Amino acid sequence: RGLLTKARGRRGFVVDREKVAEAAVRDGRFILFSTDLEMTAEEVFRWYFGREGIEEAFRTGKGDLSLGPLRMRADYRITAYSTVMYVAWLLWSWGERRLQEAWERVDKKLREKYPHPTLSSALELLDGVHWVRLGAGKSVHEWTTRLSEVQKAILRSVGGTRHLPCI
C-alpha cells in the first residue's frame, strides 16, 4: 500500500523505491498485545498461536461436519445445539487421532505418499467406495467397489474390513 506514486510528466505510476525498502524492513513482523496486564510476553505469544486449534475446530465444524451458524434464541435449543457440536467435534477428533496412530503401521510407500493424512483427506479418498448387500437370512451376497491400495490401507488402519468399517 502506498508503494506507487504518480509518474511526473506522463500517465501511469512509478514504484517508490524508498517505501519498498521501508516495507521490507517490517516484513514478517507484527504486534501482539493483551488487555490482561498480568500476562507475560511468552504467554501472549502462546495464546496467540494456540488459537489455530480453535480456528481449526470451527473450520471443521463449518466444513466437514456441516454444522451451520447458530440462529436460535431459546436456552434449551442453544444448549442442545452446543451439545451436538461438542459430540460431533469429539467424534471427529477421536477419528483423527485413531487414524494418525494407525497410520504409523501402514506400508512405508503409502506413508511417504500420504505422510500426514487427515480425516477429511481419508474420507475424500473413500468417497467413491460403495457397498451393496442383497439377500436375506443365510443367502446374503455382498459387493463393494474395487478398492485401491490407499483405500484398503485407510480401512485397515481404522480396523475396517473390505465391506464395512468396524468401529
Protein backbone atom coordinates (compact mmCIF):
# COMPACT_ATOMS: atom_id res chain seq x y z
CA ARG A 1 0.00 0.00 0.00
CA GLY A 2 1.35 3.38 -0.90
CA LEU A 3 4.25 1.88 -2.83
CA LEU A 4 3.22 3.59 -6.06
CA THR A 5 3.35 7.29 -6.88
CA LYS A 6 2.08 9.12 -9.92
CA ALA A 7 4.68 9.46 -12.63
CA ARG A 8 5.69 13.04 -13.46
CA GLY A 9 5.07 14.33 -16.93
CA ARG A 10 3.26 11.26 -18.19
CA ARG A 11 0.44 8.89 -17.37
CA GLY A 12 0.94 5.99 -15.06
CA PHE A 13 2.68 5.17 -11.83
CA VAL A 14 6.22 4.65 -10.58
CA VAL A 15 7.33 2.33 -7.78
CA ASP A 16 8.65 4.34 -4.83
CA ARG A 17 11.90 2.51 -4.00
CA GLU A 18 12.24 4.13 -0.55
CA LYS A 19 8.79 2.95 0.55
CA VAL A 20 9.54 -0.55 -0.76
CA ALA A 21 12.73 -0.60 1.35
CA GLU A 22 10.79 0.60 4.44
CA ALA A 23 8.14 -2.08 3.90
CA ALA A 24 10.81 -4.77 3.52
CA VAL A 25 12.22 -3.89 6.95
CA ARG A 26 8.79 -4.53 8.52
CA ASP A 27 8.03 -7.75 6.59
CA GLY A 28 7.23 -10.65 8.87
CA ARG A 29 6.81 -8.51 11.98
CA PHE A 30 3.61 -7.79 13.84
CA ILE A 31 2.49 -6.51 17.20
CA LEU A 32 0.70 -8.61 19.80
CA PHE A 33 -0.96 -7.02 22.78
CA SER A 34 -3.26 -8.09 25.56
CA THR A 35 -5.63 -6.22 27.84
CA ASP A 36 -4.56 -8.59 30.63
CA LEU A 37 -1.58 -6.79 32.14
CA GLU A 38 -0.64 -9.85 34.21
CA MET A 39 0.31 -11.90 31.11
CA THR A 40 3.96 -12.23 30.16
CA ALA A 41 5.14 -11.83 26.58
CA GLU A 42 5.60 -15.61 26.31
CA GLU A 43 2.03 -16.24 27.47
CA VAL A 44 0.61 -13.75 24.96
CA PHE A 45 2.65 -15.41 22.23
CA ARG A 46 1.49 -18.92 23.26
CA TRP A 47 -2.17 -17.87 23.45
CA TYR A 48 -1.97 -16.15 20.06
CA PHE A 49 -0.61 -19.20 18.29
CA GLY A 50 -2.86 -21.52 20.31
CA ARG A 51 -5.87 -20.02 18.56
CA GLU A 52 -5.05 -22.14 15.50
CA GLY A 53 -6.60 -25.18 17.19
CA ILE A 54 -9.79 -23.27 17.93
CA GLU A 55 -9.98 -21.93 14.38
CA GLU A 56 -9.45 -25.44 13.02
CA ALA A 57 -12.33 -26.68 15.17
CA PHE A 58 -14.65 -24.04 13.70
CA ARG A 59 -13.34 -24.68 10.17
CA THR A 60 -14.03 -28.41 10.56
CA GLY A 61 -17.44 -27.71 12.08
CA LYS A 62 -18.47 -25.45 9.22
CA GLY A 63 -16.91 -27.63 6.53
CA ASP A 64 -16.69 -31.37 7.08
CA LEU A 65 -19.26 -31.62 9.87
CA SER A 66 -21.67 -29.20 8.13
CA LEU A 67 -22.67 -27.53 11.38
CA GLY A 68 -24.33 -24.28 10.44
CA PRO A 69 -24.38 -21.00 12.31
CA LEU A 70 -26.40 -20.67 15.48
CA ARG A 71 -29.74 -18.94 14.76
CA MET A 72 -31.63 -19.71 17.93
CA ARG A 73 -32.58 -17.74 20.99
CA ALA A 74 -34.16 -20.27 23.36
CA ASP A 75 -31.72 -21.51 26.00
CA TYR A 76 -32.69 -25.17 25.61
CA ARG A 77 -32.08 -25.02 21.85
CA ILE A 78 -28.70 -23.37 22.27
CA THR A 79 -27.76 -25.99 24.86
CA ALA A 80 -28.89 -28.81 22.56
CA TYR A 81 -27.01 -27.38 19.58
CA SER A 82 -23.88 -26.86 21.68
CA THR A 83 -24.10 -30.48 22.82
CA VAL A 84 -24.40 -31.69 19.22
CA MET A 85 -21.42 -29.56 18.20
CA TYR A 86 -19.36 -30.85 21.11
CA VAL A 87 -20.17 -34.51 20.43
CA ALA A 88 -19.54 -34.07 16.69
CA TRP A 89 -16.16 -32.44 17.32
CA LEU A 90 -15.29 -35.08 19.94
CA LEU A 91 -16.03 -37.92 17.50
CA TRP A 92 -14.17 -36.14 14.70
CA SER A 93 -11.05 -35.60 16.82
CA TRP A 94 -11.24 -39.20 18.07
CA GLY A 95 -11.34 -40.45 14.46
CA GLU A 96 -8.49 -38.14 13.51
CA ARG A 97 -6.33 -39.40 16.39
CA ARG A 98 -7.17 -43.03 15.65
CA LEU A 99 -6.20 -42.57 12.00
CA GLN A 100 -2.88 -40.90 12.94
CA GLU A 101 -1.98 -43.66 15.41
CA ALA A 102 -2.86 -46.44 12.99
CA TRP A 103 -1.18 -44.76 10.01
CA GLU A 104 2.21 -45.37 11.62
CA ARG A 105 1.73 -49.11 10.94
CA VAL A 106 0.85 -48.64 7.26
CA ASP A 107 3.23 -49.60 4.44
CA LYS A 108 6.19 -47.21 4.13
CA LYS A 109 5.45 -46.36 0.47
CA LEU A 110 1.95 -45.18 1.34
CA ARG A 111 3.25 -43.19 4.31
CA GLU A 112 5.71 -41.42 2.00
CA LYS A 113 2.92 -40.60 -0.45
CA TYR A 114 0.49 -39.52 2.29
CA PRO A 115 2.71 -38.55 5.26
CA HIS A 116 0.04 -36.97 7.50
CA PRO A 117 -3.45 -37.90 6.32
CA THR A 118 -6.30 -36.05 7.93
CA LEU A 119 -9.74 -37.49 8.48
CA SER A 120 -11.02 -35.13 5.77
CA SER A 121 -8.49 -36.37 3.21
CA ALA A 122 -9.16 -40.00 4.20
CA LEU A 123 -12.90 -39.52 3.72
CA GLU A 124 -12.25 -37.86 0.36
CA LEU A 125 -10.17 -40.86 -0.71
CA LEU A 126 -13.01 -43.18 0.39
CA ASP A 127 -15.63 -41.04 -1.36
CA GLY A 128 -16.18 -43.38 -4.32
CA VAL A 129 -16.44 -46.57 -2.25
CA HIS A 130 -19.84 -48.27 -2.34
CA TRP A 131 -21.11 -51.34 -0.52
CA VAL A 132 -24.11 -53.38 -1.72
CA ARG A 133 -25.72 -56.16 0.30
CA LEU A 134 -28.55 -58.26 -1.18
CA GLY A 135 -30.43 -61.19 0.23
CA ALA A 136 -31.87 -62.37 3.47
CA GLY A 137 -31.08 -64.99 6.07
CA LYS A 138 -28.28 -67.33 5.01
CA SER A 139 -28.35 -66.22 1.39
CA VAL A 140 -26.67 -62.82 1.57
CA HIS A 141 -24.39 -61.51 -1.17
CA GLU A 142 -22.11 -58.54 -0.67
CA TRP A 143 -20.27 -56.47 -3.23
CA THR A 144 -18.06 -53.49 -2.84
CA THR A 145 -16.29 -51.12 -5.16
CA ARG A 146 -12.82 -52.33 -6.09
CA LEU A 147 -10.58 -50.64 -3.55
CA SER A 148 -7.25 -49.03 -4.33
CA GLU A 149 -4.25 -49.77 -2.11
CA VAL A 150 -4.70 -46.44 -0.35
CA GLN A 151 -8.38 -47.12 0.33
CA LYS A 152 -7.55 -50.58 1.68
CA ALA A 153 -4.85 -49.10 3.92
CA ILE A 154 -7.23 -46.45 5.27
CA LEU A 155 -9.91 -49.02 6.08
CA ARG A 156 -7.37 -51.39 7.65
CA SER A 157 -5.80 -48.59 9.68
CA VAL A 158 -9.09 -47.87 11.46
CA GLY A 159 -9.99 -51.54 11.93
CA GLY A 160 -12.31 -51.82 8.96
CA THR A 161 -12.98 -54.78 6.73
CA ARG A 162 -13.40 -54.96 3.00
CA HIS A 163 -17.10 -54.29 3.32
CA LEU A 164 -17.73 -52.14 6.35
CA PRO A 165 -15.63 -50.31 8.91
CA CYS A 166 -15.81 -51.95 12.33
CA ILE A 167 -15.78 -49.14 14.85
